[in-house]
Amino acid sequence: MTELLQFILDHEKAFQSTGRLASLYSDFRLQANTNPDGYNANISAWRKALADAARAGLIPSQGGSRDLLTIRTGDELVQALDSKQWGRPLALGSVIHDAVEKKEMIPLKDFLSSNTSIYSRNWTITPQQVITWMLRQLGMVGGVSTQDRLAVGQFVLVANVE
């Protein structure tokens, strides 16, 4: 068991129940429509666990340095979270996708090159956004398939920067 996984199991309340661990490691993406509360609980548990582990300096990073503010996603992270009993976290891609969508994680490249505050919001709604929203509501755009894969990259954890 890796140091990262041991930290999460020891310090995160959501990861201390065997039944809950089975859910957290399962492919819970379909629950977004069938059980939104369970889906959101799993997403929140993973986001908190990853942010806390990064703050503790336990997220694998390039060069072996300890980065408290960013998280590098990809195979190295998935391997560090691999468990003999539960396997690999199958919905980790959805966790990262959701955090980026909610601006709780920002791609490092975007964070460094941004000319505006990470807190600024554009309140102007474009026709394209309205059409995209309508198509998403009808189930014609978006959904589980857009979150199938874990986005590989480096992301700033906004909660850790604050």
C-alpha atoms as a PDB file:
ATOM      1  CA  MET A   1       0.000   0.000   0.000  1.00  0.00           C
ATOM      2  CA  THR A   2       1.369   3.385  -0.976  1.00  0.00           C
ATOM      3  CA  GLU A   3       1.921   6.244   1.430  1.00  0.00           C
ATOM      4  CA  LEU A   4      -0.788   8.251  -0.367  1.00  0.00           C
ATOM      5  CA  LEU A   5      -3.419   5.533  -0.026  1.00  0.00           C
ATOM      6  CA  GLN A   6      -2.499   4.882   3.604  1.00  0.00           C
ATOM      7  CA  PHE A   7      -2.867   8.607   4.381  1.00  0.00           C
ATOM      8  CA  ILE A   8      -6.303   8.734   2.754  1.00  0.00           C
ATOM      9  CA  LEU A   9      -7.498   5.607   4.578  1.00  0.00           C
ATOM     10  CA  ASP A  10      -6.207   6.922   7.912  1.00  0.00           C
ATOM     11  CA  HIS A  11      -7.358  10.551   7.650  1.00  0.00           C
ATOM     12  CA  GLU A  12     -10.471  10.700   5.484  1.00  0.00           C
ATOM     13  CA  LYS A  13     -13.684   9.687   7.224  1.00  0.00           C
ATOM     14  CA  ALA A  14     -15.414   8.755   3.944  1.00  0.00           C
ATOM     15  CA  PHE A  15     -12.690   6.162   3.252  1.00  0.00           C
ATOM     16  CA  GLN A  16     -12.946   4.296   6.554  1.00  0.00           C
ATOM     17  CA  SER A  17     -15.949   2.084   5.796  1.00  0.00           C
ATOM     18  CA  THR A  18     -15.556  -1.027   3.634  1.00  0.00           C
ATOM     19  CA  GLY A  19     -18.935  -0.464   1.979  1.00  0.00           C
ATOM     20  CA  ARG A  20     -18.113   3.152   1.265  1.00  0.00           C
ATOM     21  CA  LEU A  21     -14.713   2.211  -0.164  1.00  0.00           C
ATOM     22  CA  ALA A  22     -16.378  -0.193  -2.583  1.00  0.00           C
ATOM     23  CA  SER A  23     -18.555   2.668  -3.803  1.00  0.00           C
ATOM     24  CA  LEU A  24     -15.667   5.149  -4.020  1.00  0.00           C
ATOM     25  CA  TYR A  25     -13.568   2.745  -6.095  1.00  0.00           C
ATOM     26  CA  SER A  26     -16.462   1.685  -8.341  1.00  0.00           C
ATOM     27  CA  ASP A  27     -17.472   3.283 -11.623  1.00  0.00           C
ATOM     28  CA  PHE A  28     -20.078   5.539 -10.035  1.00  0.00           C
ATOM     29  CA  ARG A  29     -20.466   7.843 -13.057  1.00  0.00           C
ATOM     30  CA  LEU A  30     -23.919   6.513 -13.942  1.00  0.00           C
ATOM     31  CA  GLN A  31     -25.123   7.583 -10.492  1.00  0.00           C
ATOM     32  CA  ALA A  32     -25.025  11.186 -11.735  1.00  0.00           C
ATOM     33  CA  ASN A  33     -28.485  10.503 -13.207  1.00  0.00           C
ATOM     34  CA  THR A  34     -29.795   7.613 -11.092  1.00  0.00           C
ATOM     35  CA  ASN A  35     -28.515   8.662  -7.648  1.00  0.00           C
ATOM     36  CA  PRO A  36     -27.269  12.271  -7.746  1.00  0.00           C
ATOM     37  CA  ASP A  37     -26.781  12.445  -3.966  1.00  0.00           C
ATOM     38  CA  GLY A  38     -24.547   9.360  -3.954  1.00  0.00           C
ATOM     39  CA  TYR A  39     -22.661  10.614  -6.996  1.00  0.00           C
ATOM     40  CA  ASN A  40     -22.036  14.026  -5.396  1.00  0.00           C
ATOM     41  CA  ALA A  41     -21.001  12.408  -2.108  1.00  0.00           C
ATOM     42  CA  ASN A  42     -18.411  10.267  -3.915  1.00  0.00           C
ATOM     43  CA  ILE A  43     -17.130  13.217  -5.966  1.00  0.00           C
ATOM     44  CA  SER A  44     -16.817  15.366  -2.821  1.00  0.00           C
ATOM     45  CA  ALA A  45     -15.055  12.616  -0.871  1.00  0.00           C
ATOM     46  CA  TRP A  46     -12.440  12.145  -3.607  1.00  0.00           C
ATOM     47  CA  ARG A  47     -11.891  15.894  -4.091  1.00  0.00           C
ATOM     48  CA  LYS A  48     -11.382  16.398  -0.349  1.00  0.00           C
ATOM     49  CA  ALA A  49      -9.083  13.378  -0.084  1.00  0.00           C
ATOM     50  CA  LEU A  50      -6.911  14.543  -2.996  1.00  0.00           C
ATOM     51  CA  ALA A  51      -6.713  18.136  -1.717  1.00  0.00           C
ATOM     52  CA  ASP A  52      -5.825  16.995   1.823  1.00  0.00           C
ATOM     53  CA  ALA A  53      -3.215  14.553   0.514  1.00  0.00           C
ATOM     54  CA  ALA A  54      -1.671  17.271  -1.655  1.00  0.00           C
ATOM     55  CA  ARG A  55      -1.580  19.629   1.340  1.00  0.00           C
ATOM     56  CA  ALA A  56       0.280  16.880   3.212  1.00  0.00           C
ATOM     57  CA  GLY A  57       2.737  16.565   0.298  1.00  0.00           C
ATOM     58  CA  LEU A  58       1.782  12.991  -0.598  1.00  0.00           C
ATOM     59  CA  ILE A  59       0.569  13.308  -4.198  1.00  0.00           C
ATOM     60  CA  PRO A  60       3.130  11.826  -6.615  1.00  0.00           C
ATOM     61  CA  SER A  61       4.912  14.563  -8.525  1.00  0.00           C
ATOM     62  CA  GLN A  62       7.562  14.800 -11.179  1.00  0.00           C
ATOM     63  CA  GLY A  63      11.112  14.750  -9.878  1.00  0.00           C
ATOM     64  CA  GLY A  64      10.085  13.494  -6.452  1.00  0.00           C
ATOM     65  CA  SER A  65       9.515  17.007  -5.065  1.00  0.00           C
ATOM     66  CA  ARG A  66       6.573  17.631  -2.748  1.00  0.00           C
ATOM     67  CA  ASP A  67       4.036  19.988  -4.333  1.00  0.00           C
ATOM     68  CA  LEU A  68       1.327  21.178  -1.956  1.00  0.00           C
ATOM     69  CA  LEU A  69      -0.608  23.355  -4.404  1.00  0.00           C
ATOM     70  CA  THR A  70      -0.953  21.251  -7.534  1.00  0.00           C
ATOM     71  CA  ILE A  71      -1.863  17.731  -8.465  1.00  0.00           C
ATOM     72  CA  ARG A  72      -0.519  15.833 -11.454  1.00  0.00           C
ATOM     73  CA  THR A  73      -3.076  13.425 -12.852  1.00  0.00           C
ATOM     74  CA  GLY A  74      -2.306  10.346 -14.895  1.00  0.00           C
ATOM     75  CA  ASP A  75      -1.117   6.783 -14.463  1.00  0.00           C
ATOM     76  CA  GLU A  76       1.225   7.617 -11.588  1.00  0.00           C
ATOM     77  CA  LEU A  77      -1.652   8.986  -9.507  1.00  0.00           C
ATOM     78  CA  VAL A  78      -3.924   6.063 -10.366  1.00  0.00           C
ATOM     79  CA  GLN A  79      -1.169   3.579  -9.418  1.00  0.00           C
ATOM     80  CA  ALA A  80      -0.612   5.385  -6.109  1.00  0.00           C
ATOM     81  CA  LEU A  81      -4.339   4.983  -5.336  1.00  0.00           C
ATOM     82  CA  ASP A  82      -4.461   1.322  -6.437  1.00  0.00           C
ATOM     83  CA  SER A  83      -5.621  -1.063  -3.741  1.00  0.00           C
ATOM     84  CA  LYS A  84      -5.364  -4.861  -3.654  1.00  0.00           C
ATOM     85  CA  GLN A  85      -8.892  -5.138  -2.307  1.00  0.00           C
ATOM     86  CA  TRP A  86     -10.722  -2.487  -4.394  1.00  0.00           C
ATOM     87  CA  GLY A  87      -8.475  -2.083  -7.435  1.00  0.00           C
ATOM     88  CA  ARG A  88      -8.098   1.280  -9.148  1.00  0.00           C
ATOM     89  CA  PRO A  89     -10.545   4.165  -8.683  1.00  0.00           C
ATOM     90  CA  LEU A  90     -12.632   3.820 -11.842  1.00  0.00           C
ATOM     91  CA  ALA A  91     -14.360   7.216 -11.738  1.00  0.00           C
ATOM     92  CA  LEU A  92     -11.327   9.385 -10.995  1.00  0.00           C
ATOM     93  CA  GLY A  93     -11.736  11.039 -14.406  1.00  0.00           C
ATOM     94  CA  SER A  94     -15.192  12.243 -13.358  1.00  0.00           C
ATOM     95  CA  VAL A  95     -13.782  13.617 -10.106  1.00  0.00           C
ATOM     96  CA  ILE A  96     -11.181  15.707 -11.951  1.00  0.00           C
ATOM     97  CA  HIS A  97     -13.667  16.750 -14.650  1.00  0.00           C
ATOM     98  CA  ASP A  98     -16.186  17.891 -12.021  1.00  0.00           C
ATOM     99  CA  ALA A  99     -13.551  19.817 -10.048  1.00  0.00           C
ATOM    100  CA  VAL A 100     -12.343  21.611 -13.187  1.00  0.00           C
ATOM    101  CA  GLU A 101     -15.918  22.421 -14.207  1.00  0.00           C
ATOM    102  CA  LYS A 102     -16.571  23.925 -10.752  1.00  0.00           C
ATOM    103  CA  LYS A 103     -13.240  25.791 -10.847  1.00  0.00           C
ATOM    104  CA  GLU A 104     -12.003  23.915  -7.768  1.00  0.00           C
ATOM    105  CA  MET A 105      -9.090  22.721  -9.896  1.00  0.00           C
ATOM    106  CA  ILE A 106      -7.598  24.837 -12.657  1.00  0.00           C
ATOM    107  CA  PRO A 107      -5.181  23.545 -15.281  1.00  0.00           C
ATOM    108  CA  LEU A 108      -1.753  24.891 -14.293  1.00  0.00           C
ATOM    109  CA  LYS A 109      -1.155  26.362 -17.744  1.00  0.00           C
ATOM    110  CA  ASP A 110      -4.426  28.337 -17.549  1.00  0.00           C
ATOM    111  CA  PHE A 111      -3.692  29.451 -13.991  1.00  0.00           C
ATOM    112  CA  LEU A 112      -0.253  30.801 -14.893  1.00  0.00           C
ATOM    113  CA  SER A 113      -1.333  32.523 -18.100  1.00  0.00           C
ATOM    114  CA  SER A 114      -4.605  34.046 -16.859  1.00  0.00           C
ATOM    115  CA  ASN A 115      -4.896  37.823 -16.978  1.00  0.00           C
ATOM    116  CA  THR A 116      -7.876  37.859 -14.629  1.00  0.00           C
ATOM    117  CA  SER A 117      -8.534  36.688 -11.101  1.00  0.00           C
ATOM    118  CA  ILE A 118      -9.539  33.069 -10.617  1.00  0.00           C
ATOM    119  CA  TYR A 119     -12.600  34.454  -8.833  1.00  0.00           C
ATOM    120  CA  SER A 120     -13.854  36.639 -11.679  1.00  0.00           C
ATOM    121  CA  ARG A 121     -16.992  35.396 -13.402  1.00  0.00           C
ATOM    122  CA  ASN A 122     -18.410  36.344 -16.768  1.00  0.00           C
ATOM    123  CA  TRP A 123     -22.104  37.019 -16.315  1.00  0.00           C
ATOM    124  CA  THR A 124     -22.803  37.460 -20.016  1.00  0.00           C
ATOM    125  CA  ILE A 125     -24.653  34.496 -21.480  1.00  0.00           C
ATOM    126  CA  THR A 126     -24.038  33.718 -25.135  1.00  0.00           C
ATOM    127  CA  PRO A 127     -26.510  31.985 -27.462  1.00  0.00           C
ATOM    128  CA  GLN A 128     -24.049  29.077 -27.753  1.00  0.00           C
ATOM    129  CA  GLN A 129     -24.136  28.566 -23.974  1.00  0.00           C
ATOM    130  CA  VAL A 130     -27.959  28.519 -24.014  1.00  0.00           C
ATOM    131  CA  ILE A 131     -28.055  25.969 -26.839  1.00  0.00           C
ATOM    132  CA  THR A 132     -25.398  23.805 -25.157  1.00  0.00           C
ATOM    133  CA  TRP A 133     -27.347  23.917 -21.889  1.00  0.00           C
ATOM    134  CA  MET A 134     -30.572  22.899 -23.674  1.00  0.00           C
ATOM    135  CA  LEU A 135     -28.871  20.006 -25.467  1.00  0.00           C
ATOM    136  CA  ARG A 136     -27.289  18.848 -22.209  1.00  0.00           C
ATOM    137  CA  GLN A 137     -30.698  18.927 -20.496  1.00  0.00           C
ATOM    138  CA  LEU A 138     -32.094  16.775 -23.292  1.00  0.00           C
ATOM    139  CA  GLY A 139     -29.215  14.327 -22.921  1.00  0.00           C
ATOM    140  CA  MET A 140     -27.896  14.981 -26.403  1.00  0.00           C
ATOM    141  CA  VAL A 141     -24.560  16.510 -25.352  1.00  0.00           C
ATOM    142  CA  GLY A 142     -22.204  15.809 -22.472  1.00  0.00           C
ATOM    143  CA  GLY A 143     -22.994  13.054 -20.033  1.00  0.00           C
ATOM    144  CA  VAL A 144     -20.824  10.203 -18.840  1.00  0.00           C
ATOM    145  CA  SER A 145     -18.884   9.648 -22.074  1.00  0.00           C
ATOM    146  CA  THR A 146     -17.153  13.036 -21.789  1.00  0.00           C
ATOM    147  CA  GLN A 147     -15.725  11.993 -18.431  1.00  0.00           C
ATOM    148  CA  ASP A 148     -14.603   8.468 -19.328  1.00  0.00           C
ATOM    149  CA  ARG A 149     -10.889   9.168 -19.236  1.00  0.00           C
ATOM    150  CA  LEU A 150      -8.723  10.719 -16.605  1.00  0.00           C
ATOM    151  CA  ALA A 151      -7.459  14.044 -17.887  1.00  0.00           C
ATOM    152  CA  VAL A 152      -3.675  13.915 -17.849  1.00  0.00           C
ATOM    153  CA  GLY A 153      -2.092  17.124 -16.694  1.00  0.00           C
ATOM    154  CA  GLN A 154      -1.223  19.318 -13.778  1.00  0.00           C
ATOM    155  CA  PHE A 155      -3.974  21.132 -11.927  1.00  0.00           C
ATOM    156  CA  VAL A 156      -3.877  23.867  -9.292  1.00  0.00           C
ATOM    157  CA  LEU A 157      -5.957  22.994  -6.219  1.00  0.00           C
ATOM    158  CA  VAL A 158      -7.746  26.276  -5.502  1.00  0.00           C
ATOM    159  CA  ALA A 159      -8.556  25.325  -1.880  1.00  0.00           C
ATOM    160  CA  ASN A 160      -4.848  24.708  -1.196  1.00  0.00           C
ATOM    161  CA  VAL A 161      -3.826  28.037  -2.772  1.00  0.00           C
ATOM    162  CA  GLU A 162      -6.292  29.914  -0.598  1.00  0.00           C
END
